[in-house]
Amino acid sequence: MLTNAGAAERSVVVKVLLFGLNGQVGSACAEVLSSQASEGLSLIALDRREADFSNPQSVYDAVVESAPDVVVNAVAYTCLLYTSDAADE
């Protein structure tokens, strides 16, 4: 989990929950969003171990526990062999 505690110093804080921290898009989003702490943004970034999209309850629990203002879903399924087979069906 990645957080940026500096956002708590501002009076207005937007809490962002980011799923997919370890992926290409998720890590790029986390880098940009975590740099915005001084702008009133609080980031909670989770990887698959902390919120597994194959287990909807874990995703629900993460949302309820963090109570975000914004949710960013950067989760991706990248098994190319399966995705190309699935496209043929």
N, C-alpha and C. Protein backbone atom coordinates (compact mmCIF):
# COMPACT_ATOMS: atom_id res chain seq x y z
N MET A 1 0.85 -1.17 0.00
CA MET A 1 0.00 0.00 0.00
C MET A 1 0.89 1.23 0.00
N LEU A 2 0.47 2.21 -0.79
CA LEU A 2 1.18 3.47 -0.88
C LEU A 2 0.25 4.56 -0.38
N THR A 3 0.73 5.41 0.50
CA THR A 3 -0.07 6.54 0.98
C THR A 3 0.80 7.78 0.98
N ASN A 4 0.15 8.93 0.98
CA ASN A 4 0.89 10.18 1.10
C ASN A 4 0.28 10.98 2.23
N ALA A 5 0.92 10.95 3.36
CA ALA A 5 0.40 11.57 4.58
C ALA A 5 0.42 13.09 4.54
N GLY A 6 1.19 13.70 3.66
CA GLY A 6 1.29 15.14 3.59
C GLY A 6 -0.02 15.84 3.29
N ALA A 7 -0.95 15.15 2.68
CA ALA A 7 -2.22 15.76 2.31
C ALA A 7 -3.04 16.16 3.53
N ALA A 8 -2.80 15.55 4.66
CA ALA A 8 -3.57 15.84 5.86
C ALA A 8 -3.33 17.25 6.37
N GLU A 9 -2.28 17.90 5.90
CA GLU A 9 -1.96 19.25 6.37
C GLU A 9 -2.89 20.30 5.77
N ARG A 10 -3.60 20.00 4.70
CA ARG A 10 -4.50 20.95 4.06
C ARG A 10 -5.90 20.79 4.63
N SER A 11 -6.70 21.85 4.52
CA SER A 11 -8.05 21.80 5.08
C SER A 11 -9.01 21.00 4.21
N VAL A 12 -8.85 21.03 2.89
CA VAL A 12 -9.70 20.26 1.99
C VAL A 12 -8.85 19.15 1.39
N VAL A 13 -9.27 17.92 1.65
CA VAL A 13 -8.51 16.77 1.17
C VAL A 13 -9.44 15.89 0.35
N VAL A 14 -9.01 15.55 -0.84
CA VAL A 14 -9.73 14.60 -1.67
C VAL A 14 -9.01 13.27 -1.53
N LYS A 15 -9.76 12.28 -1.06
CA LYS A 15 -9.17 10.95 -0.84
C LYS A 15 -9.38 10.11 -2.09
N VAL A 16 -8.27 9.64 -2.67
CA VAL A 16 -8.31 8.84 -3.89
C VAL A 16 -7.87 7.41 -3.57
N LEU A 17 -8.68 6.45 -3.98
CA LEU A 17 -8.35 5.03 -3.84
C LEU A 17 -7.97 4.52 -5.22
N LEU A 18 -6.75 4.02 -5.35
CA LEU A 18 -6.23 3.51 -6.62
C LEU A 18 -6.05 2.00 -6.52
N PHE A 19 -6.70 1.28 -7.42
CA PHE A 19 -6.50 -0.17 -7.53
C PHE A 19 -5.52 -0.44 -8.66
N GLY A 20 -4.65 -1.43 -8.49
CA GLY A 20 -3.72 -1.83 -9.53
C GLY A 20 -2.35 -1.19 -9.41
N LEU A 21 -1.91 -0.98 -8.20
CA LEU A 21 -0.66 -0.27 -7.93
C LEU A 21 0.54 -0.84 -8.67
N ASN A 22 0.66 -2.14 -8.79
CA ASN A 22 1.88 -2.75 -9.35
C ASN A 22 1.88 -2.86 -10.87
N GLY A 23 0.80 -2.51 -11.52
CA GLY A 23 0.76 -2.58 -12.98
C GLY A 23 1.38 -1.34 -13.61
N GLN A 24 1.51 -1.39 -14.93
CA GLN A 24 2.12 -0.28 -15.66
C GLN A 24 1.31 1.01 -15.50
N VAL A 25 0.01 0.94 -15.72
CA VAL A 25 -0.84 2.12 -15.60
C VAL A 25 -0.98 2.53 -14.14
N GLY A 26 -1.19 1.57 -13.26
CA GLY A 26 -1.36 1.87 -11.84
C GLY A 26 -0.15 2.52 -11.22
N SER A 27 1.04 2.04 -11.56
CA SER A 27 2.24 2.64 -10.98
C SER A 27 2.47 4.05 -11.52
N ALA A 28 2.14 4.28 -12.78
CA ALA A 28 2.26 5.63 -13.34
C ALA A 28 1.25 6.58 -12.68
N CYS A 29 0.03 6.10 -12.48
CA CYS A 29 -0.99 6.91 -11.79
C CYS A 29 -0.55 7.22 -10.37
N ALA A 30 -0.02 6.23 -9.68
CA ALA A 30 0.42 6.43 -8.30
C ALA A 30 1.53 7.46 -8.23
N GLU A 31 2.44 7.42 -9.18
CA GLU A 31 3.54 8.39 -9.20
C GLU A 31 3.01 9.82 -9.35
N VAL A 32 2.10 10.01 -10.27
CA VAL A 32 1.53 11.35 -10.50
C VAL A 32 0.68 11.79 -9.32
N LEU A 33 -0.19 10.91 -8.86
CA LEU A 33 -1.11 11.28 -7.77
C LEU A 33 -0.38 11.51 -6.45
N SER A 34 0.64 10.71 -6.17
CA SER A 34 1.35 10.89 -4.90
C SER A 34 2.12 12.21 -4.87
N SER A 35 2.44 12.73 -6.02
CA SER A 35 3.13 14.02 -6.07
C SER A 35 2.19 15.18 -5.80
N GLN A 36 0.90 14.92 -5.70
CA GLN A 36 -0.10 15.96 -5.50
C GLN A 36 -0.52 16.13 -4.04
N ALA A 37 0.24 15.58 -3.12
CA ALA A 37 -0.11 15.65 -1.69
C ALA A 37 -0.25 17.09 -1.23
N SER A 38 0.62 17.96 -1.69
CA SER A 38 0.55 19.36 -1.26
C SER A 38 -0.64 20.09 -1.88
N GLU A 39 -1.28 19.47 -2.85
CA GLU A 39 -2.44 20.07 -3.51
C GLU A 39 -3.76 19.60 -2.89
N GLY A 40 -3.70 18.90 -1.78
CA GLY A 40 -4.92 18.47 -1.11
C GLY A 40 -5.43 17.12 -1.54
N LEU A 41 -4.56 16.27 -2.01
CA LEU A 41 -4.95 14.94 -2.45
C LEU A 41 -4.32 13.90 -1.54
N SER A 42 -5.13 12.99 -1.06
CA SER A 42 -4.66 11.89 -0.23
C SER A 42 -4.82 10.60 -1.03
N LEU A 43 -3.72 9.89 -1.25
CA LEU A 43 -3.74 8.69 -2.09
C LEU A 43 -3.61 7.43 -1.26
N ILE A 44 -4.49 6.48 -1.54
CA ILE A 44 -4.38 5.12 -1.02
C ILE A 44 -4.29 4.23 -2.25
N ALA A 45 -3.14 3.62 -2.47
CA ALA A 45 -2.93 2.78 -3.66
C ALA A 45 -2.73 1.34 -3.22
N LEU A 46 -3.53 0.45 -3.79
CA LEU A 46 -3.51 -0.96 -3.39
C LEU A 46 -3.08 -1.85 -4.54
N ASP A 47 -2.36 -2.92 -4.20
CA ASP A 47 -2.01 -3.92 -5.20
C ASP A 47 -2.95 -5.12 -5.06
N ARG A 48 -2.71 -6.14 -5.84
CA ARG A 48 -3.60 -7.30 -5.87
C ARG A 48 -3.70 -8.02 -4.53
N ARG A 49 -2.60 -8.03 -3.76
CA ARG A 49 -2.63 -8.70 -2.45
C ARG A 49 -3.60 -8.01 -1.50
N GLU A 50 -3.77 -6.71 -1.67
CA GLU A 50 -4.61 -5.93 -0.77
C GLU A 50 -6.06 -5.81 -1.26
N ALA A 51 -6.27 -5.96 -2.56
CA ALA A 51 -7.62 -5.92 -3.13
C ALA A 51 -7.61 -6.73 -4.41
N ASP A 52 -8.04 -7.96 -4.32
CA ASP A 52 -8.00 -8.90 -5.44
C ASP A 52 -9.34 -8.87 -6.17
N PHE A 53 -9.36 -8.42 -7.42
CA PHE A 53 -10.60 -8.29 -8.17
C PHE A 53 -11.24 -9.63 -8.50
N SER A 54 -10.53 -10.73 -8.31
CA SER A 54 -11.17 -12.04 -8.47
C SER A 54 -11.94 -12.41 -7.21
N ASN A 55 -11.83 -11.58 -6.17
CA ASN A 55 -12.56 -11.75 -4.92
C ASN A 55 -13.30 -10.43 -4.64
N PRO A 56 -14.54 -10.31 -5.13
CA PRO A 56 -15.28 -9.05 -4.99
C PRO A 56 -15.39 -8.55 -3.55
N GLN A 57 -15.41 -9.45 -2.60
CA GLN A 57 -15.52 -9.03 -1.20
C GLN A 57 -14.29 -8.22 -0.77
N SER A 58 -13.11 -8.60 -1.26
CA SER A 58 -11.90 -7.87 -0.88
C SER A 58 -11.91 -6.45 -1.47
N VAL A 59 -12.47 -6.31 -2.66
CA VAL A 59 -12.60 -4.98 -3.28
C VAL A 59 -13.60 -4.14 -2.50
N TYR A 60 -14.74 -4.74 -2.19
CA TYR A 60 -15.76 -4.05 -1.40
C TYR A 60 -15.19 -3.59 -0.05
N ASP A 61 -14.48 -4.48 0.61
CA ASP A 61 -13.90 -4.16 1.92
C ASP A 61 -12.91 -3.00 1.81
N ALA A 62 -12.11 -2.99 0.75
CA ALA A 62 -11.14 -1.90 0.56
C ALA A 62 -11.85 -0.57 0.37
N VAL A 63 -12.93 -0.56 -0.38
CA VAL A 63 -13.68 0.68 -0.60
C VAL A 63 -14.33 1.15 0.69
N VAL A 64 -14.96 0.25 1.40
CA VAL A 64 -15.63 0.62 2.65
C VAL A 64 -14.61 1.11 3.68
N GLU A 65 -13.51 0.40 3.81
CA GLU A 65 -12.49 0.76 4.80
C GLU A 65 -11.85 2.11 4.52
N SER A 66 -11.59 2.40 3.26
CA SER A 66 -10.90 3.66 2.93
C SER A 66 -11.84 4.85 2.73
N ALA A 67 -13.12 4.59 2.47
CA ALA A 67 -14.11 5.65 2.27
C ALA A 67 -13.59 6.76 1.35
N PRO A 68 -13.25 6.41 0.10
CA PRO A 68 -12.66 7.39 -0.79
C PRO A 68 -13.68 8.35 -1.39
N ASP A 69 -13.17 9.48 -1.86
CA ASP A 69 -13.99 10.41 -2.64
C ASP A 69 -13.97 10.01 -4.11
N VAL A 70 -12.85 9.43 -4.53
CA VAL A 70 -12.64 9.04 -5.93
C VAL A 70 -12.01 7.65 -5.94
N VAL A 71 -12.46 6.80 -6.89
CA VAL A 71 -11.86 5.49 -7.09
C VAL A 71 -11.29 5.44 -8.50
N VAL A 72 -10.02 5.01 -8.61
CA VAL A 72 -9.38 4.82 -9.90
C VAL A 72 -9.09 3.34 -10.05
N ASN A 73 -9.64 2.73 -11.09
CA ASN A 73 -9.43 1.31 -11.34
C ASN A 73 -8.41 1.16 -12.46
N ALA A 74 -7.18 0.81 -12.09
CA ALA A 74 -6.12 0.57 -13.07
C ALA A 74 -5.77 -0.91 -13.13
N VAL A 75 -6.69 -1.75 -12.71
CA VAL A 75 -6.48 -3.20 -12.72
C VAL A 75 -6.60 -3.69 -14.16
N ALA A 76 -5.71 -4.60 -14.54
CA ALA A 76 -5.73 -5.14 -15.90
C ALA A 76 -5.49 -6.64 -15.87
N TYR A 77 -6.04 -7.32 -16.84
CA TYR A 77 -5.79 -8.75 -17.04
C TYR A 77 -4.93 -8.87 -18.28
N THR A 78 -3.73 -9.41 -18.14
CA THR A 78 -2.78 -9.37 -19.25
C THR A 78 -2.25 -10.72 -19.70
N CYS A 79 -2.98 -11.76 -19.52
CA CYS A 79 -2.56 -13.06 -20.03
C CYS A 79 -2.89 -13.09 -21.53
N LEU A 80 -1.93 -12.76 -22.35
CA LEU A 80 -2.17 -12.58 -23.78
C LEU A 80 -2.68 -13.84 -24.46
N LEU A 81 -2.20 -14.98 -24.05
CA LEU A 81 -2.67 -16.23 -24.66
C LEU A 81 -4.16 -16.39 -24.44
N TYR A 82 -4.61 -16.18 -23.21
CA TYR A 82 -6.04 -16.33 -22.91
C TYR A 82 -6.86 -15.26 -23.63
N THR A 83 -6.42 -14.04 -23.63
CA THR A 83 -7.21 -12.97 -24.21
C THR A 83 -7.37 -13.18 -25.73
N SER A 84 -6.35 -13.67 -26.40
CA SER A 84 -6.49 -13.90 -27.83
C SER A 84 -7.43 -15.08 -28.09
N ASP A 85 -7.39 -16.11 -27.24
CA ASP A 85 -8.32 -17.25 -27.38
C ASP A 85 -9.74 -16.79 -27.11
N ALA A 86 -9.94 -15.95 -26.12
CA ALA A 86 -11.27 -15.49 -25.75
C ALA A 86 -11.88 -14.64 -26.86
N ALA A 87 -11.06 -13.91 -27.60
CA ALA A 87 -11.56 -13.06 -28.66
C ALA A 87 -12.13 -13.91 -29.81
N ASP A 88 -11.65 -15.14 -29.97
CA ASP A 88 -12.13 -16.01 -31.03
C ASP A 88 -13.49 -16.63 -30.71
N GLU A 89 -13.89 -16.59 -29.47
CA GLU A 89 -15.14 -17.24 -29.06
C GLU A 89 -16.35 -16.39 -29.36
